[in-house]
Protein backbone atom coordinates (compact mmCIF):
# COMPACT_ATOMS: atom_id res chain seq x y z
CA MET A 1 0.00 0.02 -0.01
CA GLN A 2 1.33 3.46 -0.89
CA SER A 3 1.22 6.36 1.56
CA PRO A 4 0.18 9.82 0.31
CA ALA A 5 3.87 10.74 0.34
CA GLY A 6 4.67 7.81 -1.95
CA GLY A 7 6.39 5.49 0.57
CA GLN A 8 5.23 2.03 1.60
CA VAL A 9 2.82 1.64 4.51
CA HIS A 10 3.25 -1.46 6.68
CA PHE A 11 0.70 -2.80 9.12
CA PRO A 12 2.03 -4.86 12.02
CA TYR A 13 0.72 -8.39 12.34
CA HIS A 14 -0.22 -9.63 15.82
CA PRO A 15 -0.64 -13.46 15.62
CA ASP A 16 -2.81 -13.78 18.78
CA THR A 17 -5.29 -11.06 17.94
CA ARG A 18 -8.80 -12.25 18.77
CA TYR A 19 -12.10 -10.64 17.87
CA GLU A 20 -13.23 -8.85 21.05
CA PRO A 21 -16.85 -7.70 20.98
CA ALA A 22 -18.11 -4.91 23.22
CA ASP A 23 -20.29 -7.37 25.18
CA PRO A 24 -18.30 -10.36 26.57
CA GLN A 25 -21.40 -12.57 26.19
CA ASP A 26 -20.97 -12.17 22.41
CA LEU A 27 -17.54 -13.80 22.57
CA ILE A 28 -19.02 -17.30 22.35
CA ARG A 29 -20.89 -17.67 19.11
CA GLN A 30 -23.44 -20.22 17.91
CA GLY A 31 -23.44 -21.68 14.42
CA VAL A 32 -24.08 -24.59 12.08
CA VAL A 33 -21.42 -26.47 10.15
CA THR A 34 -22.19 -25.89 6.45
CA PHE A 35 -19.18 -27.83 5.11
CA PHE A 36 -16.32 -29.85 6.57
CA ASN A 37 -13.77 -31.94 4.69
CA ASP A 38 -12.14 -34.47 7.04
CA SER A 39 -9.34 -35.37 4.67
CA LYS A 40 -8.31 -31.76 4.11
CA GLY A 41 -9.00 -30.68 7.68
CA TYR A 42 -11.05 -27.56 7.10
CA GLY A 43 -14.58 -26.29 6.55
CA PHE A 44 -17.04 -23.50 7.23
CA ILE A 45 -19.50 -22.58 9.94
CA LYS A 46 -22.49 -20.27 9.44
CA ASP A 47 -22.58 -17.82 12.35
CA LEU A 48 -26.24 -17.71 13.48
CA GLN A 49 -25.90 -14.12 14.73
CA SER A 50 -24.16 -12.43 11.80
CA GLN A 51 -25.03 -15.02 9.09
CA ASP A 52 -21.35 -14.90 8.04
CA SER A 53 -19.54 -17.97 6.77
CA ILE A 54 -16.56 -18.48 9.10
CA PHE A 55 -13.54 -20.62 8.12
CA VAL A 56 -12.65 -23.45 10.55
CA HIS A 57 -9.46 -25.55 10.59
CA VAL A 58 -9.13 -28.92 12.29
CA ASN A 59 -6.65 -27.33 14.78
CA GLY A 60 -9.51 -25.13 16.06
CA LEU A 61 -11.74 -28.06 17.00
CA LYS A 62 -12.50 -29.35 20.49
CA ASP A 63 -14.87 -32.04 19.14
CA THR A 64 -15.21 -33.96 15.88
CA ILE A 65 -17.72 -32.14 13.65
CA LYS A 66 -19.64 -32.84 10.45
CA GLU A 67 -22.07 -30.94 8.19
CA HIS A 68 -25.28 -29.80 9.90
CA ASP A 69 -23.83 -30.04 13.44
CA LYS A 70 -24.78 -27.20 15.77
CA VAL A 71 -21.62 -25.77 17.34
CA SER A 72 -20.34 -23.07 19.65
CA PHE A 73 -17.10 -21.22 18.88
CA THR A 74 -15.09 -18.06 19.28
CA ILE A 75 -13.70 -15.93 16.44
CA GLU A 76 -9.99 -15.33 15.95
CA MET A 77 -8.71 -12.77 13.45
CA THR A 78 -5.98 -14.11 11.16
CA PRO A 79 -4.09 -12.49 8.29
CA LYS A 80 -6.63 -14.09 5.94
CA GLY A 81 -9.74 -13.05 7.94
CA GLN A 82 -11.97 -14.58 10.56
CA SER A 83 -11.38 -18.14 11.78
CA ALA A 84 -13.49 -20.20 14.21
CA VAL A 85 -11.58 -21.61 17.20
CA ASP A 86 -12.54 -23.54 20.32
CA VAL A 87 -15.27 -25.19 18.21
CA ALA A 88 -17.45 -27.52 20.29
CA LYS A 89 -20.45 -29.58 19.20
CA GLN A 90 -23.68 -28.58 20.94
CA VAL A 91 -25.50 -31.27 22.87
CA ALA A 92 -29.04 -31.75 21.45
């Protein structure tokens, strides 16, 4: 990115930056697994509050998940965007 003066602008990366909502109760989100590929170790969760599709990697799982599972999770910001972590299957 160019600055108005023509030089490069650099943004620092903080690897442990988590999404922090104003209300701590919003930290734990609810969602539904819309896709999960066991062999590749990733998938997507539809956030029931925002309706966003959130990326999830197998390293962010507390439980084994599959499509249509209801889950709880927190959101972590990564260089590529939002990622679901601490993903746990909801008990029916």
